[in-house]
Amino acid sequence: MNVRHVTVGSNGVLVLALLTLSSLCRCLSEQTSALSSQPSMASRAGPRATGTDGSDFEHRERVASHYQMSVALKSEIRKLNIVHVLVWALMAAQVTVSQLGLVSHKVVASPYQWEYPYLLSIVPTAFSFMALPRNNISYLVVSMISAGLFCVAPLLYGGMEMFPVAQQLYRHGKAYRFIFGFSAVSVMYLVIVIAVQVHGWQIYYSKKLLDQWFTSTQDKKKK
């Protein structure tokens, strides 16, 4: 069996994972702060809407605020969905190449067990994309529930499945599976770090968007 010392390479990948995680967390935190502090589109000092006496100002201000927040949340969710599609495509490519034997397993290692159920993670993202254009509450709820089942659960299992291999790599600096010369376990832990962040923010923003839609629906009923 081919055994190589990959201490430098694996450490480089792990450093890259930490830098990526730090950058992603900082970026998303800034975006969350911006979303929570966005000003409303209506203003008490602004011009009065035609055909009103100003008595419905609070309702119009609330509707404008909900609409603005909904647009901002949709934008963030679309960005996260696109990132997830890219991660999913890379993982699907690895599984396809390995299963079809297009390259040697010494170049691209065979997938870990958790990678197969994770391929179903495209399902919640597809429902999320379908929910956004028409504010479909049912699709968004399905997306959030299935994200826990098809996204988060496989990632948690993957972290546990690869832990003994990662421990061996850390203690002895040896790896037996590689992806383009890098330790496969280091590369896949990097994928898990990114994916956990993406899915966590997907669920968070989806929950906030769902609250906005429910509030808007209740306001329409009252009106």
Protein backbone atom coordinates (compact mmCIF):
# COMPACT_ATOMS: atom_id res chain seq x y z
CA MET A 1 0.00 0.00 0.00
CA ASN A 2 1.28 3.44 -0.91
CA VAL A 3 2.18 5.40 2.21
CA ARG A 4 3.61 8.90 2.09
CA HIS A 5 4.55 11.51 4.64
CA VAL A 6 2.33 14.49 4.07
CA THR A 7 2.85 16.58 7.16
CA VAL A 8 3.59 19.80 5.26
CA GLY A 9 0.83 19.33 2.69
CA SER A 10 -1.82 18.39 5.23
CA ASN A 11 -0.86 21.26 7.52
CA GLY A 12 -1.14 23.63 4.56
CA VAL A 13 -4.66 22.39 3.83
CA LEU A 14 -5.65 22.70 7.50
CA VAL A 15 -4.30 26.27 7.65
CA LEU A 16 -6.27 27.06 4.50
CA ALA A 17 -9.38 25.61 6.15
CA LEU A 18 -8.96 27.82 9.20
CA LEU A 19 -8.36 30.93 7.09
CA THR A 20 -11.39 30.14 4.94
CA LEU A 21 -13.58 29.59 8.00
CA SER A 22 -12.42 32.83 9.62
CA SER A 23 -12.99 34.84 6.45
CA LEU A 24 -16.42 33.31 5.84
CA CYS A 25 -17.57 33.89 9.43
CA ARG A 26 -16.39 37.51 9.36
CA CYS A 27 -18.06 38.19 6.02
CA LEU A 28 -21.38 36.64 7.02
CA SER A 29 -21.35 38.40 10.38
CA GLU A 30 -20.93 41.74 8.63
CA GLN A 31 -23.79 40.90 6.27
CA THR A 32 -26.04 39.91 9.20
CA SER A 33 -25.30 43.21 10.96
CA ALA A 34 -26.07 45.11 7.78
CA LEU A 35 -29.37 43.28 7.37
CA SER A 36 -30.49 43.95 10.93
CA SER A 37 -29.67 47.68 10.70
CA GLN A 38 -31.13 48.49 7.29
CA PRO A 39 -33.27 51.62 7.35
CA SER A 40 -36.91 51.47 6.42
CA MET A 41 -37.97 52.72 2.99
CA ALA A 42 -40.63 55.04 4.38
CA SER A 43 -39.95 58.14 6.45
CA ARG A 44 -42.08 60.30 8.62
CA ALA A 45 -40.43 63.37 7.15
CA GLY A 46 -40.99 62.19 3.57
CA PRO A 47 -43.78 63.15 1.18
CA ARG A 48 -47.27 61.85 1.85
CA ALA A 49 -48.53 59.13 -0.50
CA THR A 50 -51.16 60.27 -2.98
CA GLY A 51 -54.73 59.44 -1.96
CA THR A 52 -54.01 59.05 1.76
CA ASP A 53 -54.36 61.37 4.71
CA GLY A 54 -51.29 59.97 6.43
CA SER A 55 -53.24 57.92 8.96
CA ASP A 56 -51.99 54.66 7.41
CA PHE A 57 -48.36 55.70 7.72
CA GLU A 58 -47.39 53.00 10.21
CA HIS A 59 -48.90 50.28 8.04
CA ARG A 60 -47.10 51.54 4.93
CA GLU A 61 -43.84 51.87 6.83
CA ARG A 62 -44.16 48.32 8.15
CA VAL A 63 -44.93 46.92 4.67
CA ALA A 64 -41.95 48.78 3.18
CA SER A 65 -39.65 47.46 5.92
CA HIS A 66 -40.83 43.86 5.45
CA TYR A 67 -40.37 44.11 1.69
CA GLN A 68 -36.86 45.52 2.00
CA MET A 69 -35.81 42.87 4.50
CA SER A 70 -37.32 40.10 2.35
CA VAL A 71 -35.36 41.25 -0.71
CA ALA A 72 -32.12 41.40 1.28
CA LEU A 73 -32.63 37.94 2.80
CA LYS A 74 -33.44 36.42 -0.59
CA SER A 75 -30.21 37.82 -1.97
CA GLU A 76 -28.14 36.28 0.83
CA ILE A 77 -29.88 32.90 0.50
CA ARG A 78 -29.24 32.84 -3.27
CA LYS A 79 -25.53 33.51 -2.70
CA LEU A 80 -25.32 30.68 -0.16
CA ASN A 81 -27.25 28.36 -2.48
CA ILE A 82 -24.78 29.05 -5.27
CA VAL A 83 -21.82 28.32 -2.97
CA HIS A 84 -23.46 25.05 -1.94
CA VAL A 85 -24.07 24.06 -5.56
CA LEU A 86 -20.35 24.58 -6.26
CA VAL A 87 -19.35 22.45 -3.25
CA TRP A 88 -21.89 19.80 -4.25
CA ALA A 89 -20.63 19.76 -7.85
CA LEU A 90 -17.02 19.19 -6.72
CA MET A 91 -18.07 16.34 -4.45
CA ALA A 92 -20.28 14.81 -7.15
CA ALA A 93 -17.32 15.00 -9.55
CA GLN A 94 -15.10 13.14 -7.09
CA VAL A 95 -17.70 10.40 -6.60
CA THR A 96 -18.32 10.09 -10.35
CA VAL A 97 -14.62 9.98 -11.25
CA SER A 98 -13.95 7.38 -8.56
CA GLN A 99 -16.91 5.14 -9.37
CA LEU A 100 -16.29 5.17 -13.11
CA GLY A 101 -12.56 4.63 -12.66
CA LEU A 102 -11.69 7.61 -14.87
CA VAL A 103 -8.46 8.19 -12.95
CA SER A 104 -6.33 6.12 -10.62
CA HIS A 105 -7.37 5.89 -6.99
CA LYS A 106 -3.86 7.08 -6.17
CA VAL A 107 -4.77 10.42 -7.79
CA VAL A 108 -8.38 10.73 -6.58
CA ALA A 109 -9.20 8.56 -3.58
CA SER A 110 -12.46 6.65 -3.33
CA PRO A 111 -15.20 8.57 -1.47
CA TYR A 112 -15.89 8.19 2.21
CA GLN A 113 -19.26 6.70 3.14
CA TRP A 114 -20.78 10.01 4.25
CA GLU A 115 -20.27 11.55 0.81
CA TYR A 116 -22.99 9.39 -0.80
CA PRO A 117 -25.93 10.59 1.35
CA TYR A 118 -24.57 14.13 1.17
CA LEU A 119 -25.21 14.12 -2.57
CA LEU A 120 -28.91 14.38 -1.65
CA SER A 121 -28.15 17.83 -0.19
CA ILE A 122 -28.98 19.28 -3.59
CA VAL A 123 -32.66 18.59 -2.82
CA PRO A 124 -33.14 21.28 -0.11
CA THR A 125 -31.21 23.78 -2.21
CA ALA A 126 -33.48 23.09 -5.18
CA PHE A 127 -36.56 23.67 -3.02
CA SER A 128 -34.99 26.88 -1.73
CA PHE A 129 -34.43 28.17 -5.25
CA MET A 130 -38.05 27.35 -6.15
CA ALA A 131 -39.42 29.03 -3.01
CA LEU A 132 -37.79 32.43 -3.49
CA PRO A 133 -39.40 33.84 -6.67
CA ARG A 134 -43.03 33.53 -5.49
CA ASN A 135 -42.55 33.54 -1.71
CA ASN A 136 -43.64 29.92 -1.47
CA ILE A 137 -43.79 29.15 2.25
CA SER A 138 -44.33 25.40 1.76
CA TYR A 139 -41.22 24.98 -0.39
CA LEU A 140 -39.12 26.99 2.06
CA VAL A 141 -40.29 24.87 5.01
CA VAL A 142 -39.47 21.68 3.06
CA SER A 143 -36.05 23.13 2.26
CA MET A 144 -35.28 23.85 5.92
CA ILE A 145 -36.43 20.44 7.16
CA SER A 146 -34.64 18.48 4.43
CA ALA A 147 -31.47 20.54 5.03
CA GLY A 148 -31.23 19.01 8.48
CA LEU A 149 -31.70 15.51 7.08
CA PHE A 150 -29.66 15.64 3.86
CA CYS A 151 -27.07 18.31 4.70
CA VAL A 152 -26.31 18.54 8.40
CA ALA A 153 -26.70 14.86 9.32
CA PRO A 154 -24.24 13.52 6.68
CA LEU A 155 -21.70 16.20 7.63
CA LEU A 156 -21.88 15.22 11.31
CA TYR A 157 -21.51 11.56 10.40
CA GLY A 158 -18.61 12.43 8.10
CA GLY A 159 -16.77 14.23 10.89
CA MET A 160 -17.06 11.15 13.09
CA GLU A 161 -16.20 8.72 10.28
CA MET A 162 -12.97 10.51 9.36
CA PHE A 163 -11.86 11.37 12.89
CA PRO A 164 -9.69 8.22 13.43
CA VAL A 165 -7.92 8.85 10.10
CA ALA A 166 -7.38 12.52 10.96
CA GLN A 167 -6.03 11.52 14.36
CA GLN A 168 -3.54 9.14 12.74
CA LEU A 169 -2.48 11.85 10.29
CA TYR A 170 -1.96 14.33 13.12
CA ARG A 171 0.03 11.93 15.32
CA HIS A 172 2.14 10.13 12.74
CA GLY A 173 2.01 12.39 9.67
CA LYS A 174 0.96 9.51 7.44
CA ALA A 175 -1.92 9.28 4.99
CA TYR A 176 -3.11 6.44 2.78
CA ARG A 177 -5.67 8.22 0.60
CA PHE A 178 -4.97 11.27 -1.54
CA ILE A 179 -6.72 13.78 -3.74
CA PHE A 180 -4.27 15.31 -6.21
CA GLY A 181 -1.40 14.81 -3.79
CA PHE A 182 -3.17 16.16 -0.71
CA SER A 183 -4.36 14.02 2.16
CA ALA A 184 -7.97 13.09 1.38
CA VAL A 185 -9.04 13.45 5.01
CA SER A 186 -7.64 17.01 5.17
CA VAL A 187 -9.38 17.99 1.95
CA MET A 188 -12.71 16.51 3.05
CA TYR A 189 -12.50 18.16 6.48
CA LEU A 190 -12.01 21.45 4.64
CA VAL A 191 -15.17 20.67 2.66
CA ILE A 192 -17.04 19.92 5.90
CA VAL A 193 -15.87 23.19 7.49
CA ILE A 194 -17.14 25.20 4.50
CA ALA A 195 -20.35 23.20 4.11
CA VAL A 196 -21.31 23.48 7.79
CA GLN A 197 -20.97 27.26 7.59
CA VAL A 198 -22.98 27.44 4.37
CA HIS A 199 -25.83 25.25 5.63
CA GLY A 200 -25.92 26.95 9.01
CA TRP A 201 -26.37 30.37 7.40
CA GLN A 202 -28.83 28.94 4.87
CA ILE A 203 -31.09 27.70 7.67
CA TYR A 204 -30.64 30.91 9.68
CA TYR A 205 -31.54 33.23 6.80
CA SER A 206 -34.37 30.94 5.68
CA LYS A 207 -35.88 31.10 9.17
CA LYS A 208 -35.70 34.90 9.18
CA LEU A 209 -37.23 35.03 5.69
CA LEU A 210 -40.01 32.68 6.76
CA ASP A 211 -40.79 34.98 9.69
CA GLN A 212 -40.97 37.93 7.30
CA TRP A 213 -43.37 36.07 5.01
CA PHE A 214 -45.60 35.01 7.92
CA THR A 215 -45.71 38.57 9.22
CA SER A 216 -46.59 39.94 5.79
CA THR A 217 -49.33 37.32 5.41
CA GLN A 218 -50.82 38.23 8.80
CA ASP A 219 -50.75 41.95 7.91
CA LYS A 220 -52.61 41.27 4.66
CA LYS A 221 -55.26 39.29 6.52
CA LYS A 222 -55.76 42.11 9.05
CA LYS A 223 -56.05 44.64 6.26
